[in-house]
Amino acid sequence: MKGNVLESVIGAVVLVIASLFVYFAYVSGGEKIKEGYVLTARFDDVSGLARGADIKLNGIKVGIVKSLSLDKNYQAKVELLLRDGVRIPVDSSVAISTDGIMGNKYIAISAGFSEEKLKSNEEIEFTRSAVNLEKLIDKFAVGGDKKDEK
């Protein structure tokens, strides 16, 4: 009986400590961007990208993914919410990248060299879709693209 009480107290302490870790991780989970300006980008594939994902310029978080939707041509339309102080040149490109092999997806901006900057509600023209690891492994395992076989 005495052992059960001790185990229960230790279990409760572990739960409280775990709850505190989760709370602090949520509170200090990076800079929250709530205001700024919106740009759009269209991709053929946004596998793994989610609303709220980071947008990084040279490794620095400058925004978040505001929304994901399909356009009339069935391309993925991504709305990017960027901080007001960050202006992106019109010849910039965006790509969907990953933090490590199995990490979170984010939008990586490669800044161009134009003096002209994108304005709110404009579209980034140069995009590169996400690399789908499962499709690459499947191609490698099968030995090529299945469409090529006759």
C-alpha atoms as a PDB file:
ATOM      1  CA  MET A   1       0.000   0.000   0.000  1.00  0.00           C
ATOM      2  CA  LYS A   2       2.840   2.359   0.913  1.00  0.00           C
ATOM      3  CA  GLY A   3       4.527   1.662  -2.456  1.00  0.00           C
ATOM      4  CA  ASN A   4       1.371   2.561  -4.401  1.00  0.00           C
ATOM      5  CA  VAL A   5       1.138   5.979  -2.737  1.00  0.00           C
ATOM      6  CA  LEU A   6       4.804   6.687  -3.458  1.00  0.00           C
ATOM      7  CA  GLU A   7       4.409   5.633  -7.107  1.00  0.00           C
ATOM      8  CA  SER A   8       1.324   7.828  -7.450  1.00  0.00           C
ATOM      9  CA  VAL A   9       3.135  10.866  -6.032  1.00  0.00           C
ATOM     10  CA  ILE A  10       6.139  10.323  -8.322  1.00  0.00           C
ATOM     11  CA  GLY A  11       3.802   9.902 -11.316  1.00  0.00           C
ATOM     12  CA  ALA A  12       1.983  13.146 -10.459  1.00  0.00           C
ATOM     13  CA  VAL A  13       5.306  15.018 -10.145  1.00  0.00           C
ATOM     14  CA  VAL A  14       6.437  13.685 -13.557  1.00  0.00           C
ATOM     15  CA  LEU A  15       3.132  14.793 -15.143  1.00  0.00           C
ATOM     16  CA  VAL A  16       3.443  18.294 -13.658  1.00  0.00           C
ATOM     17  CA  ILE A  17       7.026  18.647 -14.901  1.00  0.00           C
ATOM     18  CA  ALA A  18       6.090  17.376 -18.378  1.00  0.00           C
ATOM     19  CA  SER A  19       3.178  19.835 -18.481  1.00  0.00           C
ATOM     20  CA  LEU A  20       5.533  22.688 -17.584  1.00  0.00           C
ATOM     21  CA  PHE A  21       7.904  21.702 -20.406  1.00  0.00           C
ATOM     22  CA  VAL A  22       5.039  21.694 -22.913  1.00  0.00           C
ATOM     23  CA  TYR A  23       3.805  25.079 -21.656  1.00  0.00           C
ATOM     24  CA  PHE A  24       7.248  26.720 -21.879  1.00  0.00           C
ATOM     25  CA  ALA A  25       7.855  25.227 -25.319  1.00  0.00           C
ATOM     26  CA  TYR A  26       4.552  26.694 -26.508  1.00  0.00           C
ATOM     27  CA  VAL A  27       5.148  30.125 -24.945  1.00  0.00           C
ATOM     28  CA  SER A  28       8.721  30.464 -26.172  1.00  0.00           C
ATOM     29  CA  GLY A  29       8.069  28.771 -29.515  1.00  0.00           C
ATOM     30  CA  GLY A  30       9.578  31.553 -31.587  1.00  0.00           C
ATOM     31  CA  GLU A  31       8.477  34.936 -32.754  1.00  0.00           C
ATOM     32  CA  LYS A  32       4.801  35.271 -33.582  1.00  0.00           C
ATOM     33  CA  ILE A  33       4.020  37.315 -36.683  1.00  0.00           C
ATOM     34  CA  LYS A  34       0.496  38.699 -36.674  1.00  0.00           C
ATOM     35  CA  GLU A  35       0.762  41.780 -38.871  1.00  0.00           C
ATOM     36  CA  GLY A  36       2.542  42.532 -42.097  1.00  0.00           C
ATOM     37  CA  TYR A  37       1.889  42.285 -45.808  1.00  0.00           C
ATOM     38  CA  VAL A  38       0.800  39.348 -47.951  1.00  0.00           C
ATOM     39  CA  LEU A  39       2.471  37.902 -51.050  1.00  0.00           C
ATOM     40  CA  THR A  40       1.329  34.848 -53.014  1.00  0.00           C
ATOM     41  CA  ALA A  41       3.261  32.044 -54.681  1.00  0.00           C
ATOM     42  CA  ARG A  42       2.058  29.073 -56.740  1.00  0.00           C
ATOM     43  CA  PHE A  43       3.587  25.610 -56.577  1.00  0.00           C
ATOM     44  CA  ASP A  44       2.950  22.267 -58.288  1.00  0.00           C
ATOM     45  CA  ASP A  45       3.489  20.379 -55.021  1.00  0.00           C
ATOM     46  CA  VAL A  46       3.453  21.611 -51.410  1.00  0.00           C
ATOM     47  CA  SER A  47       3.610  18.200 -49.710  1.00  0.00           C
ATOM     48  CA  GLY A  48       4.154  18.612 -45.979  1.00  0.00           C
ATOM     49  CA  LEU A  49       3.821  22.407 -45.919  1.00  0.00           C
ATOM     50  CA  ALA A  50       1.276  23.617 -43.367  1.00  0.00           C
ATOM     51  CA  ARG A  51      -0.459  26.838 -42.411  1.00  0.00           C
ATOM     52  CA  GLY A  52       1.742  28.672 -39.899  1.00  0.00           C
ATOM     53  CA  ALA A  53       4.987  27.257 -41.319  1.00  0.00           C
ATOM     54  CA  ASP A  54       8.016  29.550 -41.206  1.00  0.00           C
ATOM     55  CA  ILE A  55       9.212  31.728 -44.062  1.00  0.00           C
ATOM     56  CA  LYS A  56      12.968  32.291 -43.939  1.00  0.00           C
ATOM     57  CA  LEU A  57      15.272  34.677 -45.738  1.00  0.00           C
ATOM     58  CA  ASN A  58      18.947  33.687 -45.376  1.00  0.00           C
ATOM     59  CA  GLY A  59      17.964  31.484 -42.428  1.00  0.00           C
ATOM     60  CA  ILE A  60      16.145  34.279 -40.565  1.00  0.00           C
ATOM     61  CA  LYS A  61      12.412  33.944 -39.932  1.00  0.00           C
ATOM     62  CA  VAL A  62      10.665  36.817 -41.713  1.00  0.00           C
ATOM     63  CA  GLY A  63       7.098  35.514 -41.931  1.00  0.00           C
ATOM     64  CA  ILE A  64       4.650  32.633 -41.826  1.00  0.00           C
ATOM     65  CA  VAL A  65       2.452  30.756 -44.274  1.00  0.00           C
ATOM     66  CA  LYS A  66      -0.961  32.409 -43.964  1.00  0.00           C
ATOM     67  CA  SER A  67      -3.004  29.984 -46.076  1.00  0.00           C
ATOM     68  CA  LEU A  68      -2.896  27.153 -48.592  1.00  0.00           C
ATOM     69  CA  SER A  69      -5.482  26.622 -51.336  1.00  0.00           C
ATOM     70  CA  LEU A  70      -5.936  25.348 -54.885  1.00  0.00           C
ATOM     71  CA  ASP A  71      -6.326  27.733 -57.796  1.00  0.00           C
ATOM     72  CA  LYS A  72      -8.470  27.095 -60.881  1.00  0.00           C
ATOM     73  CA  ASN A  73      -5.553  25.282 -62.595  1.00  0.00           C
ATOM     74  CA  TYR A  74      -5.113  22.948 -59.592  1.00  0.00           C
ATOM     75  CA  GLN A  75      -1.866  24.538 -58.522  1.00  0.00           C
ATOM     76  CA  ALA A  76      -1.240  25.106 -54.838  1.00  0.00           C
ATOM     77  CA  LYS A  77      -1.652  28.794 -54.013  1.00  0.00           C
ATOM     78  CA  VAL A  78       0.275  29.808 -50.892  1.00  0.00           C
ATOM     79  CA  GLU A  79      -0.283  33.140 -49.147  1.00  0.00           C
ATOM     80  CA  LEU A  80       2.808  34.403 -47.356  1.00  0.00           C
ATOM     81  CA  LEU A  81       2.507  36.842 -44.443  1.00  0.00           C
ATOM     82  CA  LEU A  82       5.762  38.816 -44.199  1.00  0.00           C
ATOM     83  CA  ARG A  83       6.923  41.318 -41.593  1.00  0.00           C
ATOM     84  CA  ASP A  84       6.467  44.948 -42.691  1.00  0.00           C
ATOM     85  CA  GLY A  85      10.153  45.823 -42.470  1.00  0.00           C
ATOM     86  CA  VAL A  86      11.199  43.049 -44.874  1.00  0.00           C
ATOM     87  CA  ARG A  87      10.882  43.981 -48.558  1.00  0.00           C
ATOM     88  CA  ILE A  88      11.531  41.314 -51.168  1.00  0.00           C
ATOM     89  CA  PRO A  89      13.008  42.159 -54.619  1.00  0.00           C
ATOM     90  CA  VAL A  90      10.738  41.310 -57.584  1.00  0.00           C
ATOM     91  CA  ASP A  91      13.286  38.873 -59.068  1.00  0.00           C
ATOM     92  CA  SER A  92      13.421  36.760 -55.890  1.00  0.00           C
ATOM     93  CA  SER A  93      12.536  33.074 -55.835  1.00  0.00           C
ATOM     94  CA  VAL A  94      10.918  30.858 -53.218  1.00  0.00           C
ATOM     95  CA  ALA A  95      11.350  27.155 -52.568  1.00  0.00           C
ATOM     96  CA  ILE A  96       9.858  24.684 -50.155  1.00  0.00           C
ATOM     97  CA  SER A  97      12.677  23.377 -47.964  1.00  0.00           C
ATOM     98  CA  THR A  98      13.040  21.036 -45.003  1.00  0.00           C
ATOM     99  CA  ASP A  99      14.822  21.405 -41.665  1.00  0.00           C
ATOM    100  CA  GLY A 100      17.028  18.328 -41.972  1.00  0.00           C
ATOM    101  CA  ILE A 101      15.960  15.031 -43.546  1.00  0.00           C
ATOM    102  CA  MET A 102      12.716  14.540 -41.645  1.00  0.00           C
ATOM    103  CA  GLY A 103      12.195  18.055 -40.281  1.00  0.00           C
ATOM    104  CA  ASN A 104       9.416  20.576 -40.741  1.00  0.00           C
ATOM    105  CA  LYS A 105       8.785  22.136 -44.140  1.00  0.00           C
ATOM    106  CA  TYR A 106       9.250  25.878 -44.560  1.00  0.00           C
ATOM    107  CA  ILE A 107       9.433  28.464 -47.347  1.00  0.00           C
ATOM    108  CA  ALA A 108      12.969  29.590 -48.197  1.00  0.00           C
ATOM    109  CA  ILE A 109      13.301  32.915 -50.014  1.00  0.00           C
ATOM    110  CA  SER A 110      16.307  33.541 -52.235  1.00  0.00           C
ATOM    111  CA  ALA A 111      16.522  37.296 -52.582  1.00  0.00           C
ATOM    112  CA  GLY A 112      17.060  38.713 -56.041  1.00  0.00           C
ATOM    113  CA  PHE A 113      19.056  41.791 -56.990  1.00  0.00           C
ATOM    114  CA  SER A 114      16.369  44.089 -58.370  1.00  0.00           C
ATOM    115  CA  GLU A 115      15.919  47.542 -56.873  1.00  0.00           C
ATOM    116  CA  GLU A 116      12.158  47.151 -57.342  1.00  0.00           C
ATOM    117  CA  LYS A 117      10.408  45.461 -54.412  1.00  0.00           C
ATOM    118  CA  LEU A 118       7.239  43.362 -54.328  1.00  0.00           C
ATOM    119  CA  LYS A 119       4.176  45.139 -52.981  1.00  0.00           C
ATOM    120  CA  SER A 120       1.370  43.711 -50.880  1.00  0.00           C
ATOM    121  CA  ASN A 121      -0.866  41.193 -52.714  1.00  0.00           C
ATOM    122  CA  GLU A 122       1.632  40.676 -55.546  1.00  0.00           C
ATOM    123  CA  GLU A 123       2.814  37.242 -56.650  1.00  0.00           C
ATOM    124  CA  ILE A 124       6.303  35.790 -56.518  1.00  0.00           C
ATOM    125  CA  GLU A 125       6.928  34.492 -60.004  1.00  0.00           C
ATOM    126  CA  PHE A 126       9.851  32.105 -59.483  1.00  0.00           C
ATOM    127  CA  THR A 127       8.983  29.056 -57.344  1.00  0.00           C
ATOM    128  CA  ARG A 128      10.398  25.595 -56.709  1.00  0.00           C
ATOM    129  CA  SER A 129       8.101  22.876 -55.336  1.00  0.00           C
ATOM    130  CA  ALA A 130       8.750  20.498 -52.479  1.00  0.00           C
ATOM    131  CA  VAL A 131      10.887  17.434 -53.086  1.00  0.00           C
ATOM    132  CA  ASN A 132       8.749  14.408 -52.326  1.00  0.00           C
ATOM    133  CA  LEU A 133      11.063  11.869 -50.692  1.00  0.00           C
ATOM    134  CA  GLU A 134       8.564   9.010 -51.130  1.00  0.00           C
ATOM    135  CA  LYS A 135       8.376   9.594 -54.899  1.00  0.00           C
ATOM    136  CA  LEU A 136      12.174   9.650 -55.148  1.00  0.00           C
ATOM    137  CA  ILE A 137      12.502   6.386 -53.211  1.00  0.00           C
ATOM    138  CA  ASP A 138       9.775   4.809 -55.347  1.00  0.00           C
ATOM    139  CA  LYS A 139      11.555   5.863 -58.556  1.00  0.00           C
ATOM    140  CA  PHE A 140      14.822   4.455 -57.265  1.00  0.00           C
ATOM    141  CA  ALA A 141      13.240   1.165 -56.119  1.00  0.00           C
ATOM    142  CA  VAL A 142      11.337   0.595 -59.367  1.00  0.00           C
ATOM    143  CA  GLY A 143      14.252   1.693 -61.516  1.00  0.00           C
ATOM    144  CA  GLY A 144      12.756   4.684 -63.264  1.00  0.00           C
ATOM    145  CA  ASP A 145       9.475   6.328 -64.019  1.00  0.00           C
ATOM    146  CA  LYS A 146       6.556   3.919 -64.496  1.00  0.00           C
ATOM    147  CA  LYS A 147       5.211   6.035 -67.366  1.00  0.00           C
ATOM    148  CA  ASP A 148       8.297   5.230 -69.452  1.00  0.00           C
ATOM    149  CA  GLU A 149       7.520   1.494 -69.497  1.00  0.00           C
ATOM    150  CA  LYS A 150       5.479   0.198 -72.466  1.00  0.00           C
END
